[in-house]
């Protein structure tokens, strides 16, 4: 049983690109590597529901690509709730989004429709280029497995 867990841990570390660092202390890892280690630890529990709070925060483009590849490869039985400010990540991954601003729900709906909604564009005024990556506007397609993915991007908090 212990051997099976060790093998599973090795597979998860390999999936997130950390197989060579398996015996390193976490303090030796970069920020991006620590984020990937967190994801590997979450996946090791074989969750049916995976809650991710800004998993792309502070990651390089390469690490974000790896993150999306891992999330895209999750079994259909794993539901994901993703809180993320990187709209490109949300547009790639989520079928349905709830957009929040100042702690309130602004829009809930299919990703492309929600991100194109006028109130969402108003909330993101000045960063409209980010919203141009909504599905159908150059963003990578949603998962091909047909699985349902949900995300909650947050508009910038304008309260000061």
Protein backbone atom coordinates (compact mmCIF):
# COMPACT_ATOMS: atom_id res chain seq x y z
CA UNK A 1 0.00 0.00 0.00
CA UNK A 2 2.82 2.40 0.85
CA UNK A 3 4.59 1.48 -2.38
CA UNK A 4 1.41 2.26 -4.36
CA UNK A 5 1.18 5.69 -2.72
CA UNK A 6 4.83 6.41 -3.47
CA UNK A 7 4.32 5.41 -7.11
CA UNK A 8 1.21 7.61 -7.33
CA UNK A 9 3.13 10.54 -5.80
CA UNK A 10 5.87 10.02 -8.38
CA UNK A 11 3.31 10.06 -11.21
CA UNK A 12 1.80 13.31 -9.92
CA UNK A 13 5.23 14.92 -9.55
CA UNK A 14 6.09 13.83 -13.08
CA UNK A 15 2.80 15.24 -14.40
CA UNK A 16 3.60 18.66 -12.95
CA UNK A 17 7.23 18.57 -14.08
CA UNK A 18 8.83 17.96 -10.69
CA UNK A 19 9.99 14.35 -10.93
CA UNK A 20 13.66 15.40 -10.79
CA UNK A 21 12.96 17.44 -7.65
CA UNK A 22 11.14 14.68 -5.76
CA UNK A 23 13.76 14.54 -2.99
CA UNK A 24 14.39 18.27 -2.71
CA UNK A 25 13.02 20.26 0.22
CA UNK A 26 10.12 22.46 -0.89
CA UNK A 27 12.08 25.53 0.24
CA UNK A 28 14.49 24.90 -2.65
CA UNK A 29 11.71 25.17 -5.26
CA UNK A 30 10.88 28.32 -7.20
CA UNK A 31 7.48 29.98 -6.80
CA UNK A 32 6.17 28.29 -9.94
CA UNK A 33 7.50 24.92 -8.83
CA UNK A 34 5.82 25.33 -5.44
CA UNK A 35 2.52 26.07 -7.17
CA UNK A 36 2.95 22.89 -9.21
CA UNK A 37 3.81 20.98 -6.02
CA UNK A 38 0.57 22.25 -4.47
CA UNK A 39 -1.34 20.99 -7.50
CA UNK A 40 0.39 17.60 -7.32
CA UNK A 41 -0.52 17.32 -3.63
CA UNK A 42 -4.15 18.18 -4.39
CA UNK A 43 -4.28 15.61 -7.19
CA UNK A 44 -2.69 12.94 -5.00
CA UNK A 45 -5.90 12.87 -2.97
CA UNK A 46 -7.78 11.78 -6.11
CA UNK A 47 -10.41 14.48 -5.63
CA UNK A 48 -13.86 14.47 -7.18
CA UNK A 49 -14.02 18.23 -6.64
CA UNK A 50 -10.91 20.36 -7.09
CA UNK A 51 -11.03 23.93 -5.77
CA UNK A 52 -8.26 26.11 -7.19
CA UNK A 53 -7.69 29.66 -5.98
CA UNK A 54 -5.68 31.60 -8.56
CA UNK A 55 -3.48 28.70 -9.62
CA UNK A 56 -1.86 30.80 -12.39
CA UNK A 57 -0.84 33.65 -10.07
CA UNK A 58 2.86 34.36 -10.44
CA UNK A 59 3.44 31.62 -13.00
CA UNK A 60 5.46 32.04 -16.19
CA UNK A 61 3.76 31.49 -19.54
CA UNK A 62 5.39 28.06 -19.71
CA UNK A 63 4.09 27.12 -16.26
CA UNK A 64 0.61 28.38 -17.20
CA UNK A 65 0.73 26.17 -20.28
CA UNK A 66 1.71 23.20 -18.11
CA UNK A 67 -1.09 24.04 -15.65
CA UNK A 68 -3.67 24.15 -18.45
CA UNK A 69 -2.38 20.86 -19.84
CA UNK A 70 -2.76 19.23 -16.43
CA UNK A 71 -6.26 20.63 -15.92
CA UNK A 72 -7.31 19.64 -19.44
CA UNK A 73 -6.12 16.10 -18.71
CA UNK A 74 -8.20 15.66 -15.56
CA UNK A 75 -10.73 12.85 -15.71
CA UNK A 76 -14.24 13.96 -16.61
CA UNK A 77 -15.39 12.85 -13.15
CA UNK A 78 -13.33 15.60 -11.50
CA UNK A 79 -15.31 18.82 -11.14
CA UNK A 80 -13.21 21.98 -10.95
CA UNK A 81 -14.06 25.31 -9.36
CA UNK A 82 -11.47 27.84 -10.45
CA UNK A 83 -11.06 31.35 -9.05
CA UNK A 84 -8.71 33.11 -11.44
CA UNK A 85 -7.78 36.63 -12.54
CA UNK A 86 -6.03 35.45 -15.71
CA UNK A 87 -8.96 35.74 -18.10
CA UNK A 88 -7.02 33.80 -20.73
CA UNK A 89 -6.86 30.82 -18.37
CA UNK A 90 -10.58 31.09 -17.64
CA UNK A 91 -11.42 31.42 -21.35
CA UNK A 92 -9.36 28.33 -22.14
CA UNK A 93 -10.61 26.13 -19.36
CA UNK A 94 -14.15 27.02 -18.30
CA UNK A 95 -17.44 26.20 -19.96
CA UNK A 96 -19.36 28.42 -17.53
CA UNK A 97 -18.19 31.45 -15.57
CA UNK A 98 -19.44 33.68 -12.82
CA UNK A 99 -17.83 37.12 -12.97
CA UNK A 100 -17.54 38.96 -9.67
CA UNK A 101 -16.78 42.61 -9.06
CA UNK A 102 -16.55 44.31 -5.66
CA UNK A 103 -17.75 41.08 -4.06
CA UNK A 104 -20.94 40.86 -6.12
CA UNK A 105 -22.01 38.58 -8.94
CA UNK A 106 -21.96 40.56 -12.16
CA UNK A 107 -22.73 37.86 -14.74
CA UNK A 108 -23.09 34.08 -14.83
CA UNK A 109 -23.25 32.17 -18.10
CA UNK A 110 -21.37 30.40 -20.86
CA UNK A 111 -17.78 31.65 -20.93
CA UNK A 112 -17.86 33.45 -24.29
CA UNK A 113 -21.17 35.16 -23.57
CA UNK A 114 -20.22 36.14 -20.03
CA UNK A 115 -16.85 37.60 -21.00
CA UNK A 116 -18.42 39.51 -23.89
CA UNK A 117 -21.24 40.91 -21.73
CA UNK A 118 -21.26 44.75 -21.68
CA UNK A 119 -21.24 44.94 -17.87
CA UNK A 120 -18.16 42.71 -17.76
CA UNK A 121 -16.44 44.88 -20.36
CA UNK A 122 -17.35 47.98 -18.31
CA UNK A 123 -15.91 46.38 -15.16
CA UNK A 124 -12.69 45.63 -17.02
CA UNK A 125 -12.51 49.01 -18.77
CA UNK A 126 -8.90 49.75 -19.59
CA UNK A 127 -8.10 46.03 -19.87
CA UNK A 128 -10.40 45.21 -22.77
CA UNK A 129 -7.52 43.58 -24.64
CA UNK A 130 -7.55 40.79 -22.07
CA UNK A 131 -11.22 40.14 -22.78
CA UNK A 132 -10.50 39.82 -26.49
CA UNK A 133 -9.22 36.34 -25.70
CA UNK A 134 -12.71 35.04 -25.01
CA UNK A 135 -13.55 31.84 -26.92
CA UNK A 136 -13.97 32.54 -30.59
CA UNK A 137 -11.59 35.50 -30.35
CA UNK A 138 -8.23 33.76 -30.34
CA UNK A 139 -8.32 31.86 -27.05
CA UNK A 140 -7.54 28.18 -26.99
CA UNK A 141 -10.68 26.05 -27.20
CA UNK A 142 -12.43 24.66 -24.13
CA UNK A 143 -11.72 21.05 -23.11
CA UNK A 144 -12.47 18.56 -25.87
CA UNK A 145 -13.72 15.92 -23.45
CA UNK A 146 -17.03 17.73 -23.09
CA UNK A 147 -16.58 17.91 -19.32
CA UNK A 148 -18.12 20.83 -17.54
CA UNK A 149 -15.68 23.31 -16.10
CA UNK A 150 -16.62 26.38 -14.08
CA UNK A 151 -14.59 29.42 -13.17
CA UNK A 152 -15.06 32.69 -11.36
CA UNK A 153 -12.88 35.46 -12.75
CA UNK A 154 -12.87 38.60 -10.65
CA UNK A 155 -13.00 42.08 -12.09
CA UNK A 156 -10.53 44.55 -10.60
CA UNK A 157 -11.76 45.89 -7.26
CA UNK A 158 -12.28 49.61 -7.82
CA UNK A 159 -13.16 50.38 -4.19
CA UNK A 160 -10.44 52.42 -2.47
